[in-house]
Amino acid sequence: VDNETSKFDLSLELVATGGAAGFFEYSTERFS
């Protein structure tokens, strides 16, 4: 559940099983 927080300015997380489904997590005070 995305609780609209980010630990860092920018993160990339991938679950690499078969294909790779993941996400960019980003600070909304830094990036649009």
PDB file of all heavy atoms in Angstrom:
ATOM      1  N   VAL A   1       0.853  -1.184   0.000  1.00  0.00           N
ATOM      2  CA  VAL A   1       0.000   0.000   0.000  1.00  0.00           C
ATOM      3  C   VAL A   1       0.892   1.239   0.000  1.00  0.00           C
ATOM      4  O   VAL A   1       1.717   1.422   0.901  1.00  0.00           O
ATOM      5  CB  VAL A   1      -0.923   0.021   1.231  1.00  0.00           C
ATOM      6  CG1 VAL A   1      -1.841   1.245   1.176  1.00  0.00           C
ATOM      7  CG2 VAL A   1      -1.734  -1.262   1.323  1.00  0.00           C
ATOM      8  N   ASP A   2       0.748   2.064  -1.011  1.00  0.00           N
ATOM      9  CA  ASP A   2       1.512   3.301  -1.100  1.00  0.00           C
ATOM     10  C   ASP A   2       0.952   4.299  -0.090  1.00  0.00           C
ATOM     11  O   ASP A   2      -0.165   4.800  -0.251  1.00  0.00           O
ATOM     12  CB  ASP A   2       1.428   3.868  -2.520  1.00  0.00           C
ATOM     13  CG  ASP A   2       2.301   5.108  -2.727  1.00  0.00           C
ATOM     14  OD1 ASP A   2       2.908   5.574  -1.739  1.00  0.00           O
ATOM     15  OD2 ASP A   2       2.369   5.594  -3.864  1.00  0.00           O
ATOM     16  N   ASN A   3       1.722   4.563   0.983  1.00  0.00           N
ATOM     17  CA  ASN A   3       1.248   5.522   1.984  1.00  0.00           C
ATOM     18  C   ASN A   3       1.819   6.922   1.761  1.00  0.00           C
ATOM     19  O   ASN A   3       1.853   7.749   2.668  1.00  0.00           O
ATOM     20  CB  ASN A   3       1.550   5.028   3.408  1.00  0.00           C
ATOM     21  CG  ASN A   3       3.035   4.810   3.648  1.00  0.00           C
ATOM     22  OD1 ASN A   3       3.879   5.200   2.830  1.00  0.00           O
ATOM     23  ND2 ASN A   3       3.374   4.202   4.771  1.00  0.00           N
ATOM     24  N   GLU A   4       2.271   7.159   0.515  1.00  0.00           N
ATOM     25  CA  GLU A   4       2.698   8.485   0.076  1.00  0.00           C
ATOM     26  C   GLU A   4       3.837   9.036   0.924  1.00  0.00           C
ATOM     27  O   GLU A   4       3.817  10.186   1.386  1.00  0.00           O
ATOM     28  CB  GLU A   4       1.503   9.449   0.042  1.00  0.00           C
ATOM     29  CG  GLU A   4       0.408   8.971  -0.918  1.00  0.00           C
ATOM     30  CD  GLU A   4      -0.696   9.999  -1.141  1.00  0.00           C
ATOM     31  OE1 GLU A   4      -0.675  11.056  -0.482  1.00  0.00           O
ATOM     32  OE2 GLU A   4      -1.565   9.742  -1.988  1.00  0.00           O
ATOM     33  N   THR A   5       4.862   8.192   1.113  1.00  0.00           N
ATOM     34  CA  THR A   5       6.092   8.621   1.768  1.00  0.00           C
ATOM     35  C   THR A   5       7.276   8.162   0.915  1.00  0.00           C
ATOM     36  O   THR A   5       7.141   7.300   0.043  1.00  0.00           O
ATOM     37  CB  THR A   5       6.232   8.011   3.178  1.00  0.00           C
ATOM     38  OG1 THR A   5       6.295   6.576   3.070  1.00  0.00           O
ATOM     39  CG2 THR A   5       5.080   8.409   4.079  1.00  0.00           C
ATOM     40  N   SER A   6       8.437   8.752   1.171  1.00  0.00           N
ATOM     41  CA  SER A   6       9.660   8.346   0.487  1.00  0.00           C
ATOM     42  C   SER A   6      10.831   8.513   1.444  1.00  0.00           C
ATOM     43  O   SER A   6      11.010   9.584   2.035  1.00  0.00           O
ATOM     44  CB  SER A   6       9.888   9.189  -0.774  1.00  0.00           C
ATOM     45  OG  SER A   6      11.082   8.794  -1.434  1.00  0.00           O
ATOM     46  N   LYS A   7      11.611   7.457   1.600  1.00  0.00           N
ATOM     47  CA  LYS A   7      12.744   7.507   2.523  1.00  0.00           C
ATOM     48  C   LYS A   7      13.905   8.318   1.958  1.00  0.00           C
ATOM     49  O   LYS A   7      14.738   8.823   2.707  1.00  0.00           O
ATOM     50  CB  LYS A   7      13.219   6.081   2.835  1.00  0.00           C
ATOM     51  CG  LYS A   7      12.151   5.177   3.432  1.00  0.00           C
ATOM     52  CD  LYS A   7      12.681   3.764   3.613  1.00  0.00           C
ATOM     53  CE  LYS A   7      11.599   2.816   4.096  1.00  0.00           C
ATOM     54  NZ  LYS A   7      10.555   2.585   3.087  1.00  0.00           N
ATOM     55  N   PHE A   8      13.992   8.411   0.616  1.00  0.00           N
ATOM     56  CA  PHE A   8      15.117   9.063  -0.043  1.00  0.00           C
ATOM     57  C   PHE A   8      14.598  10.041  -1.093  1.00  0.00           C
ATOM     58  O   PHE A   8      13.407  10.074  -1.395  1.00  0.00           O
ATOM     59  CB  PHE A   8      16.014   8.008  -0.711  1.00  0.00           C
ATOM     60  CG  PHE A   8      16.394   6.879   0.198  1.00  0.00           C
ATOM     61  CD1 PHE A   8      15.706   5.671   0.150  1.00  0.00           C
ATOM     62  CD2 PHE A   8      17.410   7.019   1.126  1.00  0.00           C
ATOM     63  CE1 PHE A   8      16.032   4.626   0.996  1.00  0.00           C
ATOM     64  CE2 PHE A   8      17.748   5.983   1.987  1.00  0.00           C
ATOM     65  CZ  PHE A   8      17.058   4.783   1.924  1.00  0.00           C
ATOM     66  N   ASP A   9      15.522  10.808  -1.677  1.00  0.00           N
ATOM     67  CA  ASP A   9      15.120  11.671  -2.789  1.00  0.00           C
ATOM     68  C   ASP A   9      14.558  10.823  -3.926  1.00  0.00           C
ATOM     69  O   ASP A   9      13.552  11.168  -4.542  1.00  0.00           O
ATOM     70  CB  ASP A   9      16.324  12.466  -3.308  1.00  0.00           C
ATOM     71  CG  ASP A   9      16.717  13.604  -2.386  1.00  0.00           C
ATOM     72  OD1 ASP A   9      16.028  13.829  -1.367  1.00  0.00           O
ATOM     73  OD2 ASP A   9      17.721  14.277  -2.669  1.00  0.00           O
ATOM     74  N   LEU A  10      15.248   9.703  -4.209  1.00  0.00           N
ATOM     75  CA  LEU A  10      14.843   8.839  -5.325  1.00  0.00           C
ATOM     76  C   LEU A  10      15.286   7.413  -5.040  1.00  0.00           C
ATOM     77  O   LEU A  10      16.395   7.183  -4.550  1.00  0.00           O
ATOM     78  CB  LEU A  10      15.500   9.329  -6.621  1.00  0.00           C
ATOM     79  CG  LEU A  10      15.141   8.582  -7.916  1.00  0.00           C
ATOM     80  CD1 LEU A  10      13.680   8.859  -8.308  1.00  0.00           C
ATOM     81  CD2 LEU A  10      16.073   8.993  -9.048  1.00  0.00           C
ATOM     82  N   SER A  11      14.432   6.455  -5.314  1.00  0.00           N
ATOM     83  CA  SER A  11      14.766   5.035  -5.187  1.00  0.00           C
ATOM     84  C   SER A  11      14.250   4.294  -6.405  1.00  0.00           C
ATOM     85  O   SER A  11      13.203   4.650  -6.953  1.00  0.00           O
ATOM     86  CB  SER A  11      14.124   4.408  -3.939  1.00  0.00           C
ATOM     87  OG  SER A  11      14.597   4.993  -2.752  1.00  0.00           O
ATOM     88  N   LEU A  12      14.968   3.252  -6.782  1.00  0.00           N
ATOM     89  CA  LEU A  12      14.452   2.302  -7.772  1.00  0.00           C
ATOM     90  C   LEU A  12      14.463   0.933  -7.132  1.00  0.00           C
ATOM     91  O   LEU A  12      15.498   0.477  -6.625  1.00  0.00           O
ATOM     92  CB  LEU A  12      15.307   2.292  -9.043  1.00  0.00           C
ATOM     93  CG  LEU A  12      14.903   1.250 -10.098  1.00  0.00           C
ATOM     94  CD1 LEU A  12      13.454   1.434 -10.535  1.00  0.00           C
ATOM     95  CD2 LEU A  12      15.838   1.295 -11.307  1.00  0.00           C
ATOM     96  N   GLU A  13      13.317   0.285  -7.115  1.00  0.00           N
ATOM     97  CA  GLU A  13      13.199  -1.056  -6.542  1.00  0.00           C
ATOM     98  C   GLU A  13      12.579  -1.980  -7.578  1.00  0.00           C
ATOM     99  O   GLU A  13      11.542  -1.662  -8.162  1.00  0.00           O
ATOM    100  CB  GLU A  13      12.349  -1.027  -5.275  1.00  0.00           C
ATOM    101  CG  GLU A  13      12.236  -2.375  -4.583  1.00  0.00           C
ATOM    102  CD  GLU A  13      11.742  -2.254  -3.157  1.00  0.00           C
ATOM    103  OE1 GLU A  13      12.195  -1.349  -2.422  1.00  0.00           O
ATOM    104  OE2 GLU A  13      10.884  -3.079  -2.771  1.00  0.00           O
ATOM    105  N   LEU A  14      13.227  -3.124  -7.799  1.00  0.00           N
ATOM    106  CA  LEU A  14      12.761  -4.090  -8.780  1.00  0.00           C
ATOM    107  C   LEU A  14      12.617  -5.455  -8.127  1.00  0.00           C
ATOM    108  O   LEU A  14      13.466  -5.873  -7.341  1.00  0.00           O
ATOM    109  CB  LEU A  14      13.759  -4.201  -9.947  1.00  0.00           C
ATOM    110  CG  LEU A  14      14.001  -2.928 -10.768  1.00  0.00           C
ATOM    111  CD1 LEU A  14      15.182  -3.123 -11.702  1.00  0.00           C
ATOM    112  CD2 LEU A  14      12.756  -2.559 -11.559  1.00  0.00           C
ATOM    113  N   VAL A  15      11.535  -6.151  -8.433  1.00  0.00           N
ATOM    114  CA  VAL A  15      11.361  -7.548  -8.040  1.00  0.00           C
ATOM    115  C   VAL A  15      11.677  -8.374  -9.281  1.00  0.00           C
ATOM    116  O   VAL A  15      10.864  -8.459 -10.207  1.00  0.00           O
ATOM    117  CB  VAL A  15       9.940  -7.833  -7.526  1.00  0.00           C
ATOM    118  CG1 VAL A  15       9.808  -9.303  -7.127  1.00  0.00           C
ATOM    119  CG2 VAL A  15       9.609  -6.925  -6.347  1.00  0.00           C
ATOM    120  N   ALA A  16      12.870  -8.944  -9.326  1.00  0.00           N
ATOM    121  CA  ALA A  16      13.378  -9.592 -10.547  1.00  0.00           C
ATOM    122  C   ALA A  16      13.067 -11.077 -10.538  1.00  0.00           C
ATOM    123  O   ALA A  16      13.918 -11.925 -10.314  1.00  0.00           O
ATOM    124  CB  ALA A  16      14.879  -9.357 -10.689  1.00  0.00           C
ATOM    125  N   THR A  17      11.803 -11.411 -10.739  1.00  0.00           N
ATOM    126  CA  THR A  17      11.385 -12.805 -10.866  1.00  0.00           C
ATOM    127  C   THR A  17      10.577 -12.904 -12.153  1.00  0.00           C
ATOM    128  O   THR A  17       9.502 -12.334 -12.251  1.00  0.00           O
ATOM    129  CB  THR A  17      10.534 -13.244  -9.664  1.00  0.00           C
ATOM    130  OG1 THR A  17       9.438 -12.342  -9.522  1.00  0.00           O
ATOM    131  CG2 THR A  17      11.349 -13.255  -8.387  1.00  0.00           C
ATOM    132  N   GLY A  18      11.103 -13.638 -13.154  1.00  0.00           N
ATOM    133  CA  GLY A  18      10.506 -13.606 -14.491  1.00  0.00           C
ATOM    134  C   GLY A  18      10.881 -12.274 -15.112  1.00  0.00           C
ATOM    135  O   GLY A  18      12.041 -11.993 -15.359  1.00  0.00           O
ATOM    136  N   GLY A  19       9.903 -11.410 -15.342  1.00  0.00           N
ATOM    137  CA  GLY A  19      10.203 -10.036 -15.691  1.00  0.00           C
ATOM    138  C   GLY A  19      10.509  -9.283 -14.410  1.00  0.00           C
ATOM    139  O   GLY A  19      10.595  -9.865 -13.330  1.00  0.00           O
ATOM    140  N   ALA A  20      10.702  -7.985 -14.491  1.00  0.00           N
ATOM    141  CA  ALA A  20      10.988  -7.191 -13.298  1.00  0.00           C
ATOM    142  C   ALA A  20       9.907  -6.135 -13.143  1.00  0.00           C
ATOM    143  O   ALA A  20       9.818  -5.205 -13.943  1.00  0.00           O
ATOM    144  CB  ALA A  20      12.366  -6.549 -13.395  1.00  0.00           C
ATOM    145  N   ALA A  21       9.061  -6.299 -12.138  1.00  0.00           N
ATOM    146  CA  ALA A  21       8.028  -5.317 -11.829  1.00  0.00           C
ATOM    147  C   ALA A  21       8.444  -4.590 -10.563  1.00  0.00           C
ATOM    148  O   ALA A  21       8.758  -5.225  -9.557  1.00  0.00           O
ATOM    149  CB  ALA A  21       6.680  -6.001 -11.646  1.00  0.00           C
ATOM    150  N   GLY A  22       8.490  -3.300 -10.612  1.00  0.00           N
ATOM    151  CA  GLY A  22       8.907  -2.543  -9.449  1.00  0.00           C
ATOM    152  C   GLY A  22       8.386  -1.127  -9.520  1.00  0.00           C
ATOM    153  O   GLY A  22       7.302  -0.885 -10.045  1.00  0.00           O
ATOM    154  N   PHE A  23       9.166  -0.194  -8.987  1.00  0.00           N
ATOM    155  CA  PHE A  23       8.691   1.181  -8.933  1.00  0.00           C
ATOM    156  C   PHE A  23       9.858   2.126  -8.667  1.00  0.00           C
ATOM    157  O   PHE A  23      10.901   1.736  -8.131  1.00  0.00           O
ATOM    158  CB  PHE A  23       7.651   1.346  -7.826  1.00  0.00           C
ATOM    159  CG  PHE A  23       8.116   0.860  -6.473  1.00  0.00           C
ATOM    160  CD1 PHE A  23       8.875   1.674  -5.637  1.00  0.00           C
ATOM    161  CD2 PHE A  23       7.819  -0.428  -6.053  1.00  0.00           C
ATOM    162  CE1 PHE A  23       9.312   1.217  -4.409  1.00  0.00           C
ATOM    163  CE2 PHE A  23       8.261  -0.897  -4.815  1.00  0.00           C
ATOM    164  CZ  PHE A  23       9.011  -0.073  -3.993  1.00  0.00           C
ATOM    165  N   PHE A  24       9.676   3.365  -9.088  1.00  0.00           N
ATOM    166  CA  PHE A  24      10.467   4.486  -8.602  1.00  0.00           C
ATOM    167  C   PHE A  24       9.721   5.075  -7.415  1.00  0.00           C
ATOM    168  O   PHE A  24       8.521   5.357  -7.510  1.00  0.00           O
ATOM    169  CB  PHE A  24      10.624   5.563  -9.672  1.00  0.00           C
ATOM    170  CG  PHE A  24      11.752   5.340 -10.637  1.00  0.00           C
ATOM    171  CD1 PHE A  24      11.517   4.796 -11.888  1.00  0.00           C
ATOM    172  CD2 PHE A  24      13.052   5.664 -10.294  1.00  0.00           C
ATOM    173  CE1 PHE A  24      12.550   4.588 -12.793  1.00  0.00           C
ATOM    174  CE2 PHE A  24      14.096   5.468 -11.180  1.00  0.00           C
ATOM    175  CZ  PHE A  24      13.855   4.917 -12.431  1.00  0.00           C
ATOM    176  N   GLU A  25      10.398   5.237  -6.297  1.00  0.00           N
ATOM    177  CA  GLU A  25       9.834   5.960  -5.163  1.00  0.00           C
ATOM    178  C   GLU A  25      10.564   7.296  -5.092  1.00  0.00           C
ATOM    179  O   GLU A  25      11.791   7.331  -5.158  1.00  0.00           O
ATOM    180  CB  GLU A  25      10.029   5.171  -3.871  1.00  0.00           C
ATOM    181  CG  GLU A  25       9.385   5.816  -2.653  1.00  0.00           C
ATOM    182  CD  GLU A  25       9.540   4.960  -1.401  1.00  0.00           C
ATOM    183  OE1 GLU A  25       8.694   4.073  -1.190  1.00  0.00           O
ATOM    184  OE2 GLU A  25      10.525   5.161  -0.664  1.00  0.00           O
ATOM    185  N   TYR A  26       9.819   8.396  -4.967  1.00  0.00           N
ATOM    186  CA  TYR A  26      10.464   9.698  -5.083  1.00  0.00           C
ATOM    187  C   TYR A  26       9.859  10.712  -4.121  1.00  0.00           C
ATOM    188  O   TYR A  26       8.693  10.610  -3.723  1.00  0.00           O
ATOM    189  CB  TYR A  26      10.343  10.218  -6.520  1.00  0.00           C
ATOM    190  CG  TYR A  26       8.923  10.453  -6.997  1.00  0.00           C
ATOM    191  CD1 TYR A  26       8.359  11.726  -6.991  1.00  0.00           C
ATOM    192  CD2 TYR A  26       8.126   9.393  -7.444  1.00  0.00           C
ATOM    193  CE1 TYR A  26       7.056  11.941  -7.423  1.00  0.00           C
ATOM    194  CE2 TYR A  26       6.822   9.597  -7.888  1.00  0.00           C
ATOM    195  CZ  TYR A  26       6.289  10.872  -7.873  1.00  0.00           C
ATOM    196  OH  TYR A  26       4.993  11.073  -8.294  1.00  0.00           O
ATOM    197  N   SER A  27      10.680  11.675  -3.747  1.00  0.00           N
ATOM    198  CA  SER A  27      10.216  12.772  -2.907  1.00  0.00           C
ATOM    199  C   SER A  27       9.396  13.734  -3.755  1.00  0.00           C
ATOM    200  O   SER A  27       9.881  14.243  -4.773  1.00  0.00           O
ATOM    201  CB  SER A  27      11.410  13.510  -2.296  1.00  0.00           C
ATOM    202  OG  SER A  27      10.995  14.740  -1.713  1.00  0.00           O
ATOM    203  N   THR A  28       8.178  14.000  -3.319  1.00  0.00           N
ATOM    204  CA  THR A  28       7.333  14.942  -4.058  1.00  0.00           C
ATOM    205  C   THR A  28       7.746  16.378  -3.784  1.00  0.00           C
ATOM    206  O   THR A  28       7.197  17.304  -4.404  1.00  0.00           O
ATOM    207  CB  THR A  28       5.853  14.734  -3.698  1.00  0.00           C
ATOM    208  OG1 THR A  28       5.704  14.750  -2.267  1.00  0.00           O
ATOM    209  CG2 THR A  28       5.345  13.410  -4.234  1.00  0.00           C
ATOM    210  N   GLU A  29       8.690  16.582  -2.867  1.00  0.00           N
ATOM    211  CA  GLU A  29       9.257  17.913  -2.650  1.00  0.00           C
ATOM    212  C   GLU A  29      10.473  18.159  -3.532  1.00  0.00           C
ATOM    213  O   GLU A  29      11.076  19.233  -3.468  1.00  0.00           O
ATOM    214  CB  GLU A  29       9.628  18.088  -1.183  1.00  0.00           C
ATOM    215  CG  GLU A  29       8.422  18.107  -0.258  1.00  0.00           C
ATOM    216  CD  GLU A  29       8.786  18.320   1.190  1.00  0.00           C
ATOM    217  OE1 GLU A  29       9.918  17.963   1.580  1.00  0.00           O
ATOM    218  OE2 GLU A  29       7.947  18.850   1.928  1.00  0.00           O
ATOM    219  N   ARG A  30      10.815  17.151  -4.351  1.00  0.00           N
ATOM    220  CA  ARG A  30      11.980  17.282  -5.238  1.00  0.00           C
ATOM    221  C   ARG A  30      11.613  17.076  -6.707  1.00  0.00           C
ATOM    222  O   ARG A  30      12.153  17.728  -7.586  1.00  0.00           O
ATOM    223  CB  ARG A  30      13.055  16.248  -4.853  1.00  0.00           C
ATOM    224  CG  ARG A  30      13.499  16.302  -3.408  1.00  0.00           C
ATOM    225  CD  ARG A  30      14.339  17.516  -3.121  1.00  0.00           C
ATOM    226  NE  ARG A  30      15.721  17.305  -3.540  1.00  0.00           N
ATOM    227  CZ  ARG A  30      16.604  18.283  -3.715  1.00  0.00           C
ATOM    228  NH1 ARG A  30      16.228  19.530  -3.551  1.00  0.00           N
ATOM    229  NH2 ARG A  30      17.846  18.026  -4.087  1.00  0.00           N
ATOM    230  N   PHE A  31      10.689  16.134  -6.956  1.00  0.00           N
ATOM    231  CA  PHE A  31      10.391  15.752  -8.341  1.00  0.00           C
ATOM    232  C   PHE A  31       8.889  15.787  -8.610  1.00  0.00           C
ATOM    233  O   PHE A  31       8.082  15.494  -7.721  1.00  0.00           O
ATOM    234  CB  PHE A  31      10.898  14.332  -8.630  1.00  0.00           C
ATOM    235  CG  PHE A  31      12.376  14.151  -8.427  1.00  0.00           C
ATOM    236  CD1 PHE A  31      12.856  13.540  -7.281  1.00  0.00           C
ATOM    237  CD2 PHE A  31      13.284  14.578  -9.378  1.00  0.00           C
ATOM    238  CE1 PHE A  31      14.221  13.363  -7.077  1.00  0.00           C
ATOM    239  CE2 PHE A  31      14.642  14.406  -9.200  1.00  0.00           C
ATOM    240  CZ  PHE A  31      15.115  13.804  -8.048  1.00  0.00           C
ATOM    241  N   SER A  32       8.543  16.078  -9.844  1.00  0.00           N
ATOM    242  CA  SER A  32       7.149  15.970 -10.287  1.00  0.00           C
ATOM    243  C   SER A  32       6.902  14.563 -10.823  1.00  0.00           C
ATOM    244  O   SER A  32       7.847  13.847 -11.194  1.00  0.00           O
ATOM    245  CB  SER A  32       6.865  16.988 -11.394  1.00  0.00           C
ATOM    246  OG  SER A  32       7.569  16.647 -12.582  1.00  0.00           O
TER     247      SER A  32
END
